[in-house]
Amino acid sequence: MGDDGIGIRVAEELSSRLKHIGIEVIVGEVDIDYTLSKIEDGDFLFIIDAMYLNVKPGIVTFTPIIKSITQHLQAYSQHQPNLIHLLKTYGKSVEGFIIGIEVEEIDFNLELSNTLQTRLPHICEEVYQFIYQNIRRV
């Protein structure tokens, strides 16, 4: 896992704050069936996950889900199939964003890299503010 677990860490760190503003937090990890069963047509999703876009580690990017679904971009994952592919396959009508957090290293351990561990409070705050601003528009 290593930095691949950053999405889970951010979701866990923000869980109580997000619940307080009416956001249900689902930590799906590798249970794609459970995750998909919790998503209904009309939902507004924030999918938080590790990304590798070859930018500075810890950079947070925001991509509309519809862009990923319509462009059918290849997403590589050790856990196939991926959620975006299944949303498209099952015709789930959802909106929202993929919140990607740039990794520094993927390794077989349970710890984040020093860079992501150091930046974790800033990453969490950036993600929270983005979600908060976007739910006010929905």
N, C-alpha and C. Protein backbone atom coordinates (compact mmCIF):
# COMPACT_ATOMS: atom_id res chain seq x y z
N MET A 1 0.82 -1.19 0.00
CA MET A 1 0.00 0.00 0.00
C MET A 1 0.86 1.26 0.00
N GLY A 2 1.51 1.56 1.07
CA GLY A 2 2.26 2.81 1.13
C GLY A 2 1.35 3.99 0.83
N ASP A 3 1.77 4.84 -0.08
CA ASP A 3 0.99 6.03 -0.43
C ASP A 3 -0.32 5.69 -1.12
N ASP A 4 -0.46 4.46 -1.60
CA ASP A 4 -1.71 4.04 -2.24
C ASP A 4 -2.88 4.12 -1.25
N GLY A 5 -2.60 4.14 0.04
CA GLY A 5 -3.64 4.22 1.05
C GLY A 5 -4.01 5.64 1.45
N ILE A 6 -3.52 6.65 0.75
CA ILE A 6 -3.77 8.04 1.13
C ILE A 6 -5.26 8.38 1.12
N GLY A 7 -6.02 7.87 0.18
CA GLY A 7 -7.45 8.16 0.12
C GLY A 7 -8.18 7.68 1.36
N ILE A 8 -7.81 6.49 1.81
CA ILE A 8 -8.42 5.93 3.02
C ILE A 8 -8.06 6.78 4.23
N ARG A 9 -6.79 7.16 4.32
CA ARG A 9 -6.35 7.99 5.46
C ARG A 9 -7.08 9.32 5.49
N VAL A 10 -7.23 9.96 4.33
CA VAL A 10 -7.93 11.25 4.28
C VAL A 10 -9.40 11.06 4.66
N ALA A 11 -10.05 10.03 4.11
CA ALA A 11 -11.45 9.78 4.44
C ALA A 11 -11.63 9.53 5.94
N GLU A 12 -10.74 8.75 6.53
CA GLU A 12 -10.83 8.48 7.96
C GLU A 12 -10.59 9.74 8.78
N GLU A 13 -9.61 10.54 8.38
CA GLU A 13 -9.32 11.78 9.10
C GLU A 13 -10.50 12.76 9.04
N LEU A 14 -11.19 12.80 7.90
CA LEU A 14 -12.28 13.76 7.70
C LEU A 14 -13.65 13.22 8.05
N SER A 15 -13.74 11.95 8.38
CA SER A 15 -15.03 11.29 8.55
C SER A 15 -16.00 12.05 9.46
N SER A 16 -15.59 12.42 10.65
CA SER A 16 -16.51 13.09 11.57
C SER A 16 -16.90 14.48 11.06
N ARG A 17 -15.96 15.21 10.49
CA ARG A 17 -16.29 16.54 9.95
C ARG A 17 -17.25 16.43 8.78
N LEU A 18 -17.06 15.44 7.92
CA LEU A 18 -17.93 15.27 6.76
C LEU A 18 -19.33 14.82 7.19
N LYS A 19 -19.41 13.91 8.15
CA LYS A 19 -20.71 13.48 8.65
C LYS A 19 -21.47 14.66 9.24
N HIS A 20 -20.75 15.54 9.90
CA HIS A 20 -21.36 16.72 10.52
C HIS A 20 -22.03 17.64 9.49
N ILE A 21 -21.54 17.63 8.25
CA ILE A 21 -22.14 18.48 7.21
C ILE A 21 -23.02 17.65 6.25
N GLY A 22 -23.37 16.43 6.68
CA GLY A 22 -24.33 15.64 5.94
C GLY A 22 -23.76 14.75 4.85
N ILE A 23 -22.46 14.48 4.89
CA ILE A 23 -21.83 13.63 3.89
C ILE A 23 -21.64 12.24 4.49
N GLU A 24 -22.17 11.22 3.80
CA GLU A 24 -21.95 9.84 4.23
C GLU A 24 -20.58 9.41 3.72
N VAL A 25 -19.76 8.92 4.61
CA VAL A 25 -18.42 8.47 4.26
C VAL A 25 -18.44 6.95 4.10
N ILE A 26 -18.06 6.49 2.93
CA ILE A 26 -17.98 5.06 2.64
C ILE A 26 -16.52 4.74 2.33
N VAL A 27 -15.91 3.95 3.15
CA VAL A 27 -14.53 3.52 2.89
C VAL A 27 -14.64 2.16 2.22
N GLY A 28 -14.57 2.18 0.90
CA GLY A 28 -14.77 0.96 0.14
C GLY A 28 -13.54 0.09 0.00
N GLU A 29 -12.38 0.69 0.17
CA GLU A 29 -11.11 -0.01 -0.03
C GLU A 29 -11.17 -0.88 -1.28
N VAL A 30 -11.08 -2.19 -1.13
CA VAL A 30 -11.10 -3.06 -2.31
C VAL A 30 -12.43 -3.79 -2.48
N ASP A 31 -13.42 -3.48 -1.64
CA ASP A 31 -14.73 -4.13 -1.76
C ASP A 31 -15.61 -3.33 -2.71
N ILE A 32 -15.39 -3.53 -3.99
CA ILE A 32 -16.07 -2.77 -5.03
C ILE A 32 -17.57 -3.06 -5.03
N ASP A 33 -17.98 -4.29 -4.72
CA ASP A 33 -19.40 -4.64 -4.69
C ASP A 33 -20.13 -3.86 -3.59
N TYR A 34 -19.53 -3.80 -2.41
CA TYR A 34 -20.12 -3.04 -1.30
C TYR A 34 -20.24 -1.57 -1.68
N THR A 35 -19.15 -1.03 -2.21
CA THR A 35 -19.15 0.39 -2.58
C THR A 35 -20.23 0.68 -3.60
N LEU A 36 -20.30 -0.12 -4.64
CA LEU A 36 -21.29 0.08 -5.70
C LEU A 36 -22.72 -0.05 -5.15
N SER A 37 -22.92 -0.95 -4.19
CA SER A 37 -24.26 -1.14 -3.62
C SER A 37 -24.73 0.08 -2.83
N LYS A 38 -23.81 0.90 -2.36
CA LYS A 38 -24.15 2.09 -1.59
C LYS A 38 -24.44 3.31 -2.47
N ILE A 39 -24.19 3.20 -3.77
CA ILE A 39 -24.36 4.34 -4.68
C ILE A 39 -25.69 4.22 -5.40
N GLU A 40 -26.47 5.30 -5.34
CA GLU A 40 -27.77 5.33 -5.99
C GLU A 40 -27.78 6.39 -7.08
N ASP A 41 -28.67 6.20 -8.07
CA ASP A 41 -28.84 7.22 -9.10
C ASP A 41 -29.13 8.56 -8.44
N GLY A 42 -28.51 9.60 -8.96
CA GLY A 42 -28.71 10.94 -8.43
C GLY A 42 -27.74 11.33 -7.34
N ASP A 43 -26.92 10.41 -6.87
CA ASP A 43 -25.95 10.73 -5.82
C ASP A 43 -24.89 11.68 -6.35
N PHE A 44 -24.36 12.50 -5.45
CA PHE A 44 -23.23 13.37 -5.74
C PHE A 44 -22.06 12.80 -4.95
N LEU A 45 -21.04 12.32 -5.67
CA LEU A 45 -19.94 11.58 -5.06
C LEU A 45 -18.65 12.39 -5.02
N PHE A 46 -17.87 12.11 -4.01
CA PHE A 46 -16.49 12.56 -3.94
C PHE A 46 -15.66 11.29 -3.75
N ILE A 47 -14.97 10.88 -4.78
CA ILE A 47 -14.13 9.68 -4.70
C ILE A 47 -12.71 10.14 -4.40
N ILE A 48 -12.20 9.75 -3.26
CA ILE A 48 -10.86 10.17 -2.83
C ILE A 48 -9.92 8.99 -3.01
N ASP A 49 -8.86 9.20 -3.80
CA ASP A 49 -7.96 8.09 -4.08
C ASP A 49 -6.57 8.61 -4.41
N ALA A 50 -5.61 7.70 -4.35
CA ALA A 50 -4.25 7.99 -4.76
C ALA A 50 -4.21 8.14 -6.28
N MET A 51 -3.34 8.99 -6.76
CA MET A 51 -3.16 9.20 -8.21
C MET A 51 -1.67 9.26 -8.50
N TYR A 52 -1.37 8.95 -9.75
CA TYR A 52 -0.01 9.16 -10.23
C TYR A 52 -0.11 9.90 -11.56
N LEU A 53 0.10 11.22 -11.49
CA LEU A 53 0.06 12.07 -12.68
C LEU A 53 1.44 12.67 -12.98
N ASN A 54 2.44 12.21 -12.23
CA ASN A 54 3.81 12.69 -12.39
C ASN A 54 3.93 14.18 -12.06
N VAL A 55 3.26 14.58 -10.96
CA VAL A 55 3.39 15.93 -10.43
C VAL A 55 3.97 15.81 -9.02
N LYS A 56 4.12 16.93 -8.34
CA LYS A 56 4.72 16.94 -7.01
C LYS A 56 3.87 16.11 -6.03
N PRO A 57 4.50 15.20 -5.27
CA PRO A 57 3.76 14.40 -4.30
C PRO A 57 2.96 15.28 -3.34
N GLY A 58 1.73 14.86 -3.10
CA GLY A 58 0.85 15.60 -2.20
C GLY A 58 -0.06 16.59 -2.90
N ILE A 59 0.17 16.83 -4.20
CA ILE A 59 -0.71 17.72 -4.95
C ILE A 59 -2.08 17.05 -5.05
N VAL A 60 -3.13 17.85 -4.84
CA VAL A 60 -4.50 17.35 -4.91
C VAL A 60 -5.12 17.86 -6.20
N THR A 61 -5.72 16.94 -6.97
CA THR A 61 -6.38 17.31 -8.22
C THR A 61 -7.86 16.95 -8.12
N PHE A 62 -8.68 17.68 -8.86
CA PHE A 62 -10.12 17.49 -8.82
C PHE A 62 -10.62 17.31 -10.26
N THR A 63 -11.18 16.14 -10.54
CA THR A 63 -11.66 15.83 -11.88
C THR A 63 -13.14 15.48 -11.81
N PRO A 64 -13.98 16.14 -12.61
CA PRO A 64 -15.40 15.76 -12.60
C PRO A 64 -15.56 14.29 -13.00
N ILE A 65 -16.40 13.58 -12.28
CA ILE A 65 -16.63 12.16 -12.57
C ILE A 65 -17.13 11.98 -13.99
N ILE A 66 -18.00 12.86 -14.44
CA ILE A 66 -18.57 12.72 -15.78
C ILE A 66 -17.47 12.77 -16.84
N LYS A 67 -16.43 13.54 -16.60
CA LYS A 67 -15.32 13.59 -17.56
C LYS A 67 -14.64 12.23 -17.65
N SER A 68 -14.43 11.59 -16.53
CA SER A 68 -13.80 10.27 -16.54
C SER A 68 -14.70 9.22 -17.17
N ILE A 69 -16.00 9.32 -16.92
CA ILE A 69 -16.93 8.35 -17.49
C ILE A 69 -17.05 8.52 -19.00
N THR A 70 -17.23 9.77 -19.45
CA THR A 70 -17.45 10.00 -20.89
C THR A 70 -16.18 9.81 -21.70
N GLN A 71 -15.04 10.13 -21.15
CA GLN A 71 -13.80 9.96 -21.89
C GLN A 71 -13.27 8.54 -21.78
N HIS A 72 -13.88 7.76 -20.90
CA HIS A 72 -13.49 6.37 -20.68
C HIS A 72 -11.96 6.24 -20.60
N LEU A 73 -11.39 7.10 -19.76
CA LEU A 73 -9.94 7.06 -19.58
C LEU A 73 -9.55 5.76 -18.90
N GLN A 74 -8.44 5.21 -19.32
CA GLN A 74 -7.94 3.99 -18.69
C GLN A 74 -7.42 4.33 -17.31
N ALA A 75 -7.95 3.66 -16.34
CA ALA A 75 -7.47 3.83 -14.98
C ALA A 75 -6.84 2.52 -14.56
N TYR A 76 -5.61 2.58 -14.13
CA TYR A 76 -4.90 1.38 -13.72
C TYR A 76 -5.04 1.19 -12.23
N SER A 77 -5.32 -0.01 -11.84
CA SER A 77 -5.51 -0.31 -10.44
C SER A 77 -5.12 -1.75 -10.20
N GLN A 78 -4.63 -2.03 -9.01
CA GLN A 78 -4.36 -3.42 -8.65
C GLN A 78 -5.66 -4.12 -8.28
N HIS A 79 -6.72 -3.34 -8.16
CA HIS A 79 -8.03 -3.88 -7.79
C HIS A 79 -8.98 -3.68 -8.97
N GLN A 80 -9.02 -4.62 -9.88
CA GLN A 80 -9.88 -4.48 -11.06
C GLN A 80 -11.19 -5.19 -10.80
N PRO A 81 -12.29 -4.75 -11.34
CA PRO A 81 -12.46 -3.53 -12.13
C PRO A 81 -12.55 -2.30 -11.22
N ASN A 82 -12.38 -1.13 -11.81
CA ASN A 82 -12.42 0.07 -10.99
C ASN A 82 -13.83 0.65 -10.92
N LEU A 83 -14.05 1.50 -9.94
CA LEU A 83 -15.38 2.03 -9.66
C LEU A 83 -15.93 2.86 -10.82
N ILE A 84 -15.11 3.67 -11.44
CA ILE A 84 -15.58 4.50 -12.56
C ILE A 84 -16.07 3.61 -13.70
N HIS A 85 -15.33 2.57 -14.01
CA HIS A 85 -15.74 1.65 -15.06
C HIS A 85 -17.10 1.01 -14.72
N LEU A 86 -17.29 0.62 -13.47
CA LEU A 86 -18.55 -0.01 -13.08
C LEU A 86 -19.71 0.98 -13.06
N LEU A 87 -19.44 2.23 -12.69
CA LEU A 87 -20.51 3.24 -12.75
C LEU A 87 -21.01 3.38 -14.18
N LYS A 88 -20.08 3.37 -15.12
CA LYS A 88 -20.45 3.45 -16.54
C LYS A 88 -21.16 2.18 -16.99
N THR A 89 -20.62 1.03 -16.64
CA THR A 89 -21.18 -0.25 -17.06
C THR A 89 -22.62 -0.41 -16.58
N TYR A 90 -22.89 -0.04 -15.32
CA TYR A 90 -24.22 -0.22 -14.75
C TYR A 90 -25.12 1.00 -14.99
N GLY A 91 -24.62 1.99 -15.71
CA GLY A 91 -25.44 3.15 -16.06
C GLY A 91 -25.88 3.97 -14.87
N LYS A 92 -25.07 4.00 -13.84
CA LYS A 92 -25.41 4.81 -12.66
C LYS A 92 -25.34 6.29 -13.04
N SER A 93 -26.40 7.00 -12.75
CA SER A 93 -26.47 8.43 -13.06
C SER A 93 -26.03 9.21 -11.82
N VAL A 94 -24.74 9.53 -11.78
CA VAL A 94 -24.17 10.23 -10.63
C VAL A 94 -23.38 11.43 -11.12
N GLU A 95 -23.16 12.34 -10.20
CA GLU A 95 -22.29 13.48 -10.44
C GLU A 95 -21.27 13.52 -9.32
N GLY A 96 -20.30 14.40 -9.46
CA GLY A 96 -19.32 14.57 -8.42
C GLY A 96 -17.92 14.68 -8.96
N PHE A 97 -16.97 14.37 -8.11
CA PHE A 97 -15.56 14.57 -8.44
C PHE A 97 -14.70 13.40 -7.98
N ILE A 98 -13.66 13.17 -8.72
CA ILE A 98 -12.58 12.29 -8.27
C ILE A 98 -11.53 13.22 -7.67
N ILE A 99 -11.23 13.01 -6.42
CA ILE A 99 -10.21 13.80 -5.73
C ILE A 99 -8.96 12.93 -5.69
N GLY A 100 -7.98 13.30 -6.50
CA GLY A 100 -6.76 12.53 -6.60
C GLY A 100 -5.64 13.16 -5.81
N ILE A 101 -4.91 12.35 -5.09
CA ILE A 101 -3.77 12.83 -4.30
C ILE A 101 -2.52 12.15 -4.83
N GLU A 102 -1.61 12.97 -5.31
CA GLU A 102 -0.39 12.46 -5.94
C GLU A 102 0.48 11.71 -4.95
N VAL A 103 0.87 10.50 -5.33
CA VAL A 103 1.71 9.65 -4.49
C VAL A 103 3.19 9.98 -4.71
N GLU A 104 3.98 9.58 -3.73
CA GLU A 104 5.44 9.66 -3.89
C GLU A 104 5.98 8.27 -4.17
N GLU A 105 5.46 7.29 -3.42
CA GLU A 105 5.92 5.91 -3.62
C GLU A 105 4.83 4.92 -3.26
N ILE A 106 4.81 3.83 -3.99
CA ILE A 106 3.91 2.71 -3.69
C ILE A 106 4.81 1.59 -3.20
N ASP A 107 4.56 1.14 -1.99
CA ASP A 107 5.44 0.15 -1.38
C ASP A 107 4.61 -0.83 -0.57
N PHE A 108 5.19 -1.95 -0.23
CA PHE A 108 4.50 -2.95 0.57
C PHE A 108 4.69 -2.65 2.05
N ASN A 109 3.95 -1.67 2.54
CA ASN A 109 3.92 -1.36 3.96
C ASN A 109 2.63 -0.64 4.27
N LEU A 110 2.41 -0.35 5.51
CA LEU A 110 1.16 0.30 5.92
C LEU A 110 1.33 1.78 6.20
N GLU A 111 2.51 2.31 5.97
CA GLU A 111 2.80 3.70 6.29
C GLU A 111 2.85 4.57 5.04
N LEU A 112 2.45 5.82 5.19
CA LEU A 112 2.61 6.78 4.11
C LEU A 112 4.07 7.19 4.02
N SER A 113 4.48 7.67 2.85
CA SER A 113 5.83 8.22 2.72
C SER A 113 5.95 9.43 3.65
N ASN A 114 7.17 9.82 3.98
CA ASN A 114 7.38 10.98 4.85
C ASN A 114 6.73 12.23 4.26
N THR A 115 6.81 12.38 2.93
CA THR A 115 6.25 13.56 2.28
C THR A 115 4.74 13.63 2.50
N LEU A 116 4.02 12.54 2.24
CA LEU A 116 2.57 12.57 2.40
C LEU A 116 2.17 12.63 3.88
N GLN A 117 2.92 11.97 4.74
CA GLN A 117 2.62 12.04 6.17
C GLN A 117 2.75 13.47 6.67
N THR A 118 3.79 14.17 6.23
CA THR A 118 4.00 15.56 6.63
C THR A 118 2.91 16.46 6.08
N ARG A 119 2.50 16.21 4.84
CA ARG A 119 1.49 17.06 4.18
C ARG A 119 0.05 16.66 4.51
N LEU A 120 -0.15 15.57 5.25
CA LEU A 120 -1.50 15.06 5.51
C LEU A 120 -2.46 16.11 6.07
N PRO A 121 -2.10 16.89 7.08
CA PRO A 121 -3.06 17.90 7.57
C PRO A 121 -3.47 18.90 6.47
N HIS A 122 -2.51 19.34 5.67
CA HIS A 122 -2.81 20.29 4.58
C HIS A 122 -3.70 19.62 3.53
N ILE A 123 -3.39 18.38 3.17
CA ILE A 123 -4.19 17.65 2.17
C ILE A 123 -5.62 17.50 2.68
N CYS A 124 -5.77 17.12 3.94
CA CYS A 124 -7.11 16.94 4.51
C CYS A 124 -7.90 18.24 4.47
N GLU A 125 -7.26 19.33 4.82
CA GLU A 125 -7.96 20.62 4.83
C GLU A 125 -8.35 21.04 3.41
N GLU A 126 -7.46 20.82 2.46
CA GLU A 126 -7.76 21.16 1.06
C GLU A 126 -8.94 20.33 0.54
N VAL A 127 -8.95 19.06 0.85
CA VAL A 127 -10.04 18.17 0.43
C VAL A 127 -11.34 18.59 1.11
N TYR A 128 -11.30 18.85 2.40
CA TYR A 128 -12.51 19.27 3.13
C TYR A 128 -13.08 20.56 2.54
N GLN A 129 -12.23 21.54 2.32
CA GLN A 129 -12.71 22.82 1.79
C GLN A 129 -13.34 22.64 0.41
N PHE A 130 -12.74 21.80 -0.43
CA PHE A 130 -13.29 21.55 -1.76
C PHE A 130 -14.68 20.90 -1.64
N ILE A 131 -14.80 19.89 -0.80
CA ILE A 131 -16.09 19.21 -0.61
C ILE A 131 -17.11 20.20 -0.05
N TYR A 132 -16.74 20.94 0.96
CA TYR A 132 -17.65 21.89 1.59
C TYR A 132 -18.16 22.91 0.57
N GLN A 133 -17.26 23.47 -0.22
CA GLN A 133 -17.67 24.45 -1.23
C GLN A 133 -18.59 23.85 -2.29
N ASN A 134 -18.35 22.61 -2.65
CA ASN A 134 -19.14 21.98 -3.71
C ASN A 134 -20.49 21.46 -3.24
N ILE A 135 -20.63 21.09 -1.98
CA ILE A 135 -21.96 20.66 -1.53
C ILE A 135 -22.88 21.86 -1.35
N ARG A 136 -22.31 23.02 -1.17
CA ARG A 136 -23.13 24.23 -1.05
C ARG A 136 -23.74 24.59 -2.40
N ARG A 137 -23.15 24.11 -3.50
CA ARG A 137 -23.66 24.40 -4.84
C ARG A 137 -24.72 23.40 -5.29
N VAL A 138 -24.76 22.24 -4.61
CA VAL A 138 -25.68 21.18 -5.03
C VAL A 138 -27.09 21.48 -4.56
